[in-house]
Amino acid sequence: MTELYPDDFDENIMVTLKNQLETYIVDVRDFDKRFSNLQGLVDLSEILVKTKKHLNYPFVFRLVKFALLLPVPTAIVERTFSALKLIKSELQNRMNYEFMSGCLYLM
């Protein structure tokens, strides 16, 4: 995840993140039973906020937030390529390059 967002994780943050992850794993696995029956990242983020552990582990919480946000851009890109495939395959033979280029406006 840190490789996908290099602007948000510099070298100093990476060192701190490594330490936070090690401490976080021990903390929630061995000492806090509220983290034992989570169903996914949404549950994890809710429990982190409810227990205020997002304040103790801000970089771990940042990773969780990025993991929750990742499916949104991925779905948008997939829909765009699906639309592009439709335009290219069915209409490409009937339009010139300039017209097709104008149809491929991305939001």
N, C-alpha and C. Protein backbone atom coordinates (compact mmCIF):
# COMPACT_ATOMS: atom_id res chain seq x y z
N MET A 1 0.83 -1.19 0.00
CA MET A 1 0.00 0.00 0.00
C MET A 1 0.87 1.25 0.00
N THR A 2 1.97 1.20 0.72
CA THR A 2 2.83 2.37 0.78
C THR A 2 3.48 2.67 -0.57
N GLU A 3 3.63 1.65 -1.40
CA GLU A 3 4.18 1.87 -2.73
C GLU A 3 3.16 2.55 -3.65
N LEU A 4 1.88 2.35 -3.40
CA LEU A 4 0.84 2.99 -4.21
C LEU A 4 0.71 4.47 -3.89
N TYR A 5 1.08 4.87 -2.68
CA TYR A 5 0.96 6.26 -2.23
C TYR A 5 2.31 6.78 -1.71
N PRO A 6 3.32 6.87 -2.58
CA PRO A 6 4.65 7.27 -2.09
C PRO A 6 4.71 8.69 -1.55
N ASP A 7 3.82 9.58 -2.00
CA ASP A 7 3.84 10.95 -1.49
C ASP A 7 3.39 11.04 -0.04
N ASP A 8 2.63 10.05 0.41
CA ASP A 8 2.10 10.05 1.77
C ASP A 8 2.97 9.28 2.76
N PHE A 9 3.99 8.58 2.26
CA PHE A 9 4.83 7.76 3.13
C PHE A 9 6.30 7.99 2.78
N ASP A 10 6.92 8.97 3.41
CA ASP A 10 8.35 9.19 3.19
C ASP A 10 9.16 8.22 4.06
N GLU A 11 10.49 8.34 4.02
CA GLU A 11 11.34 7.39 4.75
C GLU A 11 11.12 7.43 6.26
N ASN A 12 10.95 8.64 6.82
CA ASN A 12 10.72 8.75 8.26
C ASN A 12 9.40 8.12 8.66
N ILE A 13 8.38 8.34 7.86
CA ILE A 13 7.07 7.75 8.15
C ILE A 13 7.14 6.23 8.03
N MET A 14 7.91 5.74 7.07
CA MET A 14 8.04 4.28 6.90
C MET A 14 8.66 3.63 8.13
N VAL A 15 9.65 4.26 8.71
CA VAL A 15 10.28 3.73 9.93
C VAL A 15 9.27 3.74 11.08
N THR A 16 8.57 4.86 11.21
CA THR A 16 7.56 4.96 12.27
C THR A 16 6.42 3.96 12.04
N LEU A 17 6.01 3.82 10.78
CA LEU A 17 4.95 2.87 10.45
C LEU A 17 5.34 1.45 10.81
N LYS A 18 6.57 1.08 10.52
CA LYS A 18 7.03 -0.27 10.85
C LYS A 18 6.92 -0.51 12.36
N ASN A 19 7.37 0.46 13.14
CA ASN A 19 7.28 0.34 14.60
C ASN A 19 5.83 0.31 15.08
N GLN A 20 5.00 1.17 14.49
CA GLN A 20 3.58 1.20 14.87
C GLN A 20 2.90 -0.13 14.54
N LEU A 21 3.20 -0.69 13.38
CA LEU A 21 2.58 -1.96 13.00
C LEU A 21 2.95 -3.08 13.97
N GLU A 22 4.22 -3.13 14.34
CA GLU A 22 4.66 -4.17 15.28
C GLU A 22 3.95 -4.02 16.62
N THR A 23 3.88 -2.81 17.13
CA THR A 23 3.21 -2.55 18.40
C THR A 23 1.72 -2.79 18.29
N TYR A 24 1.13 -2.34 17.19
CA TYR A 24 -0.31 -2.50 16.96
C TYR A 24 -0.71 -3.97 16.96
N ILE A 25 0.05 -4.79 16.26
CA ILE A 25 -0.28 -6.22 16.16
C ILE A 25 -0.27 -6.86 17.54
N VAL A 26 0.74 -6.58 18.32
CA VAL A 26 0.81 -7.13 19.69
C VAL A 26 -0.34 -6.60 20.53
N ASP A 27 -0.61 -5.31 20.43
CA ASP A 27 -1.66 -4.68 21.22
C ASP A 27 -3.03 -5.27 20.94
N VAL A 28 -3.43 -5.34 19.70
CA VAL A 28 -4.79 -5.79 19.41
C VAL A 28 -4.92 -7.31 19.44
N ARG A 29 -3.87 -8.02 19.15
CA ARG A 29 -3.95 -9.48 19.16
C ARG A 29 -3.96 -10.03 20.59
N ASP A 30 -3.11 -9.49 21.44
CA ASP A 30 -2.93 -10.07 22.77
C ASP A 30 -3.70 -9.38 23.88
N PHE A 31 -4.01 -8.09 23.73
CA PHE A 31 -4.55 -7.35 24.85
C PHE A 31 -5.97 -6.82 24.66
N ASP A 32 -6.41 -6.65 23.44
CA ASP A 32 -7.72 -6.03 23.22
C ASP A 32 -8.64 -6.99 22.47
N LYS A 33 -9.55 -7.59 23.19
CA LYS A 33 -10.44 -8.60 22.62
C LYS A 33 -11.52 -8.00 21.71
N ARG A 34 -11.69 -6.67 21.73
CA ARG A 34 -12.68 -6.03 20.85
C ARG A 34 -12.31 -6.18 19.39
N PHE A 35 -11.07 -6.51 19.11
CA PHE A 35 -10.62 -6.66 17.73
C PHE A 35 -10.68 -8.11 17.25
N SER A 36 -11.25 -9.01 18.03
CA SER A 36 -11.18 -10.44 17.71
C SER A 36 -12.21 -10.89 16.67
N ASN A 37 -13.37 -10.27 16.56
CA ASN A 37 -14.40 -10.76 15.65
C ASN A 37 -14.74 -9.77 14.54
N LEU A 38 -13.75 -9.19 13.95
CA LEU A 38 -13.98 -8.21 12.88
C LEU A 38 -14.27 -8.93 11.57
N GLN A 39 -15.16 -8.34 10.77
CA GLN A 39 -15.54 -8.95 9.50
C GLN A 39 -14.80 -8.35 8.31
N GLY A 40 -14.15 -7.20 8.49
CA GLY A 40 -13.44 -6.58 7.38
C GLY A 40 -12.83 -5.25 7.77
N LEU A 41 -12.38 -4.53 6.76
CA LEU A 41 -11.72 -3.24 6.99
C LEU A 41 -12.66 -2.19 7.56
N VAL A 42 -13.93 -2.24 7.18
CA VAL A 42 -14.89 -1.27 7.71
C VAL A 42 -15.03 -1.46 9.22
N ASP A 43 -15.18 -2.70 9.65
CA ASP A 43 -15.27 -2.99 11.09
C ASP A 43 -13.98 -2.56 11.80
N LEU A 44 -12.84 -2.82 11.18
CA LEU A 44 -11.57 -2.44 11.78
C LEU A 44 -11.48 -0.93 11.95
N SER A 45 -11.85 -0.18 10.93
CA SER A 45 -11.76 1.28 11.04
C SER A 45 -12.73 1.81 12.10
N GLU A 46 -13.93 1.22 12.20
CA GLU A 46 -14.89 1.65 13.22
C GLU A 46 -14.36 1.40 14.63
N ILE A 47 -13.81 0.21 14.85
CA ILE A 47 -13.28 -0.13 16.18
C ILE A 47 -12.06 0.73 16.51
N LEU A 48 -11.22 1.01 15.52
CA LEU A 48 -10.07 1.88 15.78
C LEU A 48 -10.52 3.25 16.27
N VAL A 49 -11.58 3.78 15.67
CA VAL A 49 -12.06 5.10 16.09
C VAL A 49 -12.77 5.01 17.44
N LYS A 50 -13.62 4.00 17.63
CA LYS A 50 -14.34 3.85 18.90
C LYS A 50 -13.40 3.68 20.08
N THR A 51 -12.32 2.95 19.87
CA THR A 51 -11.37 2.71 20.96
C THR A 51 -10.29 3.80 21.03
N LYS A 52 -10.35 4.74 20.10
CA LYS A 52 -9.39 5.85 20.00
C LYS A 52 -7.97 5.38 19.73
N LYS A 53 -7.85 4.17 19.21
CA LYS A 53 -6.52 3.67 18.84
C LYS A 53 -6.02 4.30 17.55
N HIS A 54 -6.92 4.93 16.81
CA HIS A 54 -6.47 5.65 15.61
C HIS A 54 -5.57 6.82 15.99
N LEU A 55 -5.68 7.29 17.23
CA LEU A 55 -4.79 8.35 17.71
C LEU A 55 -3.42 7.80 18.11
N ASN A 56 -3.41 6.57 18.61
CA ASN A 56 -2.15 5.92 19.00
C ASN A 56 -1.38 5.40 17.79
N TYR A 57 -2.11 5.00 16.76
CA TYR A 57 -1.50 4.41 15.57
C TYR A 57 -1.95 5.17 14.31
N PRO A 58 -1.55 6.42 14.17
CA PRO A 58 -2.07 7.22 13.05
C PRO A 58 -1.65 6.70 11.68
N PHE A 59 -0.47 6.13 11.55
CA PHE A 59 -0.04 5.64 10.24
C PHE A 59 -0.68 4.31 9.90
N VAL A 60 -0.96 3.49 10.89
CA VAL A 60 -1.73 2.27 10.65
C VAL A 60 -3.14 2.65 10.20
N PHE A 61 -3.72 3.63 10.86
CA PHE A 61 -5.06 4.09 10.49
C PHE A 61 -5.04 4.68 9.08
N ARG A 62 -3.98 5.37 8.70
CA ARG A 62 -3.86 5.90 7.35
C ARG A 62 -3.86 4.77 6.32
N LEU A 63 -3.16 3.69 6.62
CA LEU A 63 -3.16 2.52 5.72
C LEU A 63 -4.56 1.94 5.57
N VAL A 64 -5.28 1.85 6.68
CA VAL A 64 -6.65 1.32 6.63
C VAL A 64 -7.53 2.22 5.78
N LYS A 65 -7.40 3.54 5.95
CA LYS A 65 -8.20 4.48 5.15
C LYS A 65 -7.89 4.34 3.67
N PHE A 66 -6.61 4.23 3.32
CA PHE A 66 -6.25 4.06 1.91
C PHE A 66 -6.78 2.75 1.35
N ALA A 67 -6.75 1.70 2.15
CA ALA A 67 -7.29 0.41 1.69
C ALA A 67 -8.80 0.50 1.46
N LEU A 68 -9.49 1.30 2.27
CA LEU A 68 -10.93 1.48 2.07
C LEU A 68 -11.22 2.32 0.83
N LEU A 69 -10.34 3.24 0.50
CA LEU A 69 -10.55 4.12 -0.65
C LEU A 69 -10.14 3.48 -1.97
N LEU A 70 -9.27 2.51 -1.95
CA LEU A 70 -8.73 1.92 -3.17
C LEU A 70 -9.79 1.35 -4.11
N PRO A 71 -10.84 0.67 -3.65
CA PRO A 71 -11.82 0.14 -4.60
C PRO A 71 -12.57 1.21 -5.39
N VAL A 72 -12.72 2.41 -4.87
CA VAL A 72 -13.48 3.46 -5.56
C VAL A 72 -12.80 3.86 -6.86
N PRO A 73 -11.51 4.28 -6.84
CA PRO A 73 -10.87 4.63 -8.11
C PRO A 73 -10.76 3.45 -9.05
N THR A 74 -10.58 2.25 -8.51
CA THR A 74 -10.48 1.07 -9.36
C THR A 74 -11.78 0.84 -10.11
N ALA A 75 -12.93 0.98 -9.45
CA ALA A 75 -14.22 0.80 -10.11
C ALA A 75 -14.45 1.87 -11.18
N ILE A 76 -14.05 3.10 -10.90
CA ILE A 76 -14.21 4.18 -11.88
C ILE A 76 -13.38 3.88 -13.13
N VAL A 77 -12.16 3.43 -12.95
CA VAL A 77 -11.31 3.10 -14.09
C VAL A 77 -11.88 1.94 -14.88
N GLU A 78 -12.40 0.93 -14.19
CA GLU A 78 -12.99 -0.22 -14.87
C GLU A 78 -14.21 0.20 -15.69
N ARG A 79 -15.06 1.07 -15.14
CA ARG A 79 -16.22 1.55 -15.90
C ARG A 79 -15.79 2.35 -17.11
N THR A 80 -14.74 3.16 -16.96
CA THR A 80 -14.24 3.95 -18.08
C THR A 80 -13.73 3.05 -19.19
N PHE A 81 -12.98 2.01 -18.85
CA PHE A 81 -12.48 1.11 -19.88
C PHE A 81 -13.61 0.31 -20.52
N SER A 82 -14.64 -0.02 -19.78
CA SER A 82 -15.79 -0.70 -20.36
C SER A 82 -16.48 0.19 -21.39
N ALA A 83 -16.65 1.46 -21.05
CA ALA A 83 -17.26 2.40 -21.99
C ALA A 83 -16.35 2.59 -23.21
N LEU A 84 -15.06 2.67 -22.97
CA LEU A 84 -14.11 2.82 -24.06
C LEU A 84 -14.17 1.62 -25.01
N LYS A 85 -14.27 0.44 -24.44
CA LYS A 85 -14.37 -0.77 -25.25
C LYS A 85 -15.61 -0.74 -26.12
N LEU A 86 -16.73 -0.30 -25.58
CA LEU A 86 -17.97 -0.20 -26.36
C LEU A 86 -17.80 0.80 -27.50
N ILE A 87 -17.24 1.96 -27.19
CA ILE A 87 -17.06 2.99 -28.22
C ILE A 87 -16.10 2.51 -29.30
N LYS A 88 -14.99 1.92 -28.89
CA LYS A 88 -13.99 1.50 -29.86
C LYS A 88 -14.50 0.37 -30.74
N SER A 89 -15.16 -0.60 -30.17
CA SER A 89 -15.52 -1.77 -30.95
C SER A 89 -16.68 -1.50 -31.91
N GLU A 90 -17.76 -0.88 -31.45
CA GLU A 90 -18.95 -0.74 -32.28
C GLU A 90 -18.92 0.50 -33.16
N LEU A 91 -18.35 1.57 -32.69
CA LEU A 91 -18.44 2.83 -33.41
C LEU A 91 -17.15 3.24 -34.12
N GLN A 92 -16.07 2.57 -33.83
CA GLN A 92 -14.79 3.00 -34.35
C GLN A 92 -14.74 3.00 -35.87
N ASN A 93 -15.33 2.03 -36.49
CA ASN A 93 -15.26 1.93 -37.94
C ASN A 93 -16.02 3.04 -38.64
N ARG A 94 -16.97 3.69 -37.96
CA ARG A 94 -17.80 4.70 -38.59
C ARG A 94 -17.39 6.13 -38.26
N MET A 95 -16.36 6.34 -37.47
CA MET A 95 -16.00 7.71 -37.11
C MET A 95 -14.53 7.98 -37.37
N ASN A 96 -14.22 9.23 -37.61
CA ASN A 96 -12.83 9.59 -37.80
C ASN A 96 -12.15 9.79 -36.45
N TYR A 97 -10.86 9.99 -36.46
CA TYR A 97 -10.07 10.07 -35.24
C TYR A 97 -10.48 11.25 -34.36
N GLU A 98 -10.71 12.42 -34.93
CA GLU A 98 -11.05 13.60 -34.15
C GLU A 98 -12.37 13.42 -33.40
N PHE A 99 -13.36 12.86 -34.08
CA PHE A 99 -14.66 12.65 -33.44
C PHE A 99 -14.53 11.64 -32.30
N MET A 100 -13.80 10.56 -32.54
CA MET A 100 -13.62 9.54 -31.51
C MET A 100 -12.86 10.12 -30.32
N SER A 101 -11.86 10.93 -30.58
CA SER A 101 -11.09 11.54 -29.52
C SER A 101 -12.00 12.44 -28.64
N GLY A 102 -12.93 13.13 -29.27
CA GLY A 102 -13.87 13.98 -28.53
C GLY A 102 -14.84 13.17 -27.68
N CYS A 103 -15.11 11.94 -28.06
CA CYS A 103 -16.02 11.07 -27.29
C CYS A 103 -15.37 10.48 -26.05
N LEU A 104 -14.07 10.52 -25.98
CA LEU A 104 -13.35 9.85 -24.89
C LEU A 104 -12.99 10.81 -23.77
N TYR A 105 -13.90 11.69 -23.45
CA TYR A 105 -13.69 12.63 -22.35
C TYR A 105 -13.81 11.91 -21.03
N LEU A 106 -12.80 12.01 -20.17
CA LEU A 106 -12.81 11.36 -18.85
C LEU A 106 -13.19 12.36 -17.79
N MET A 107 -13.98 11.93 -16.81
CA MET A 107 -14.39 12.82 -15.71
C MET A 107 -13.28 12.95 -14.70
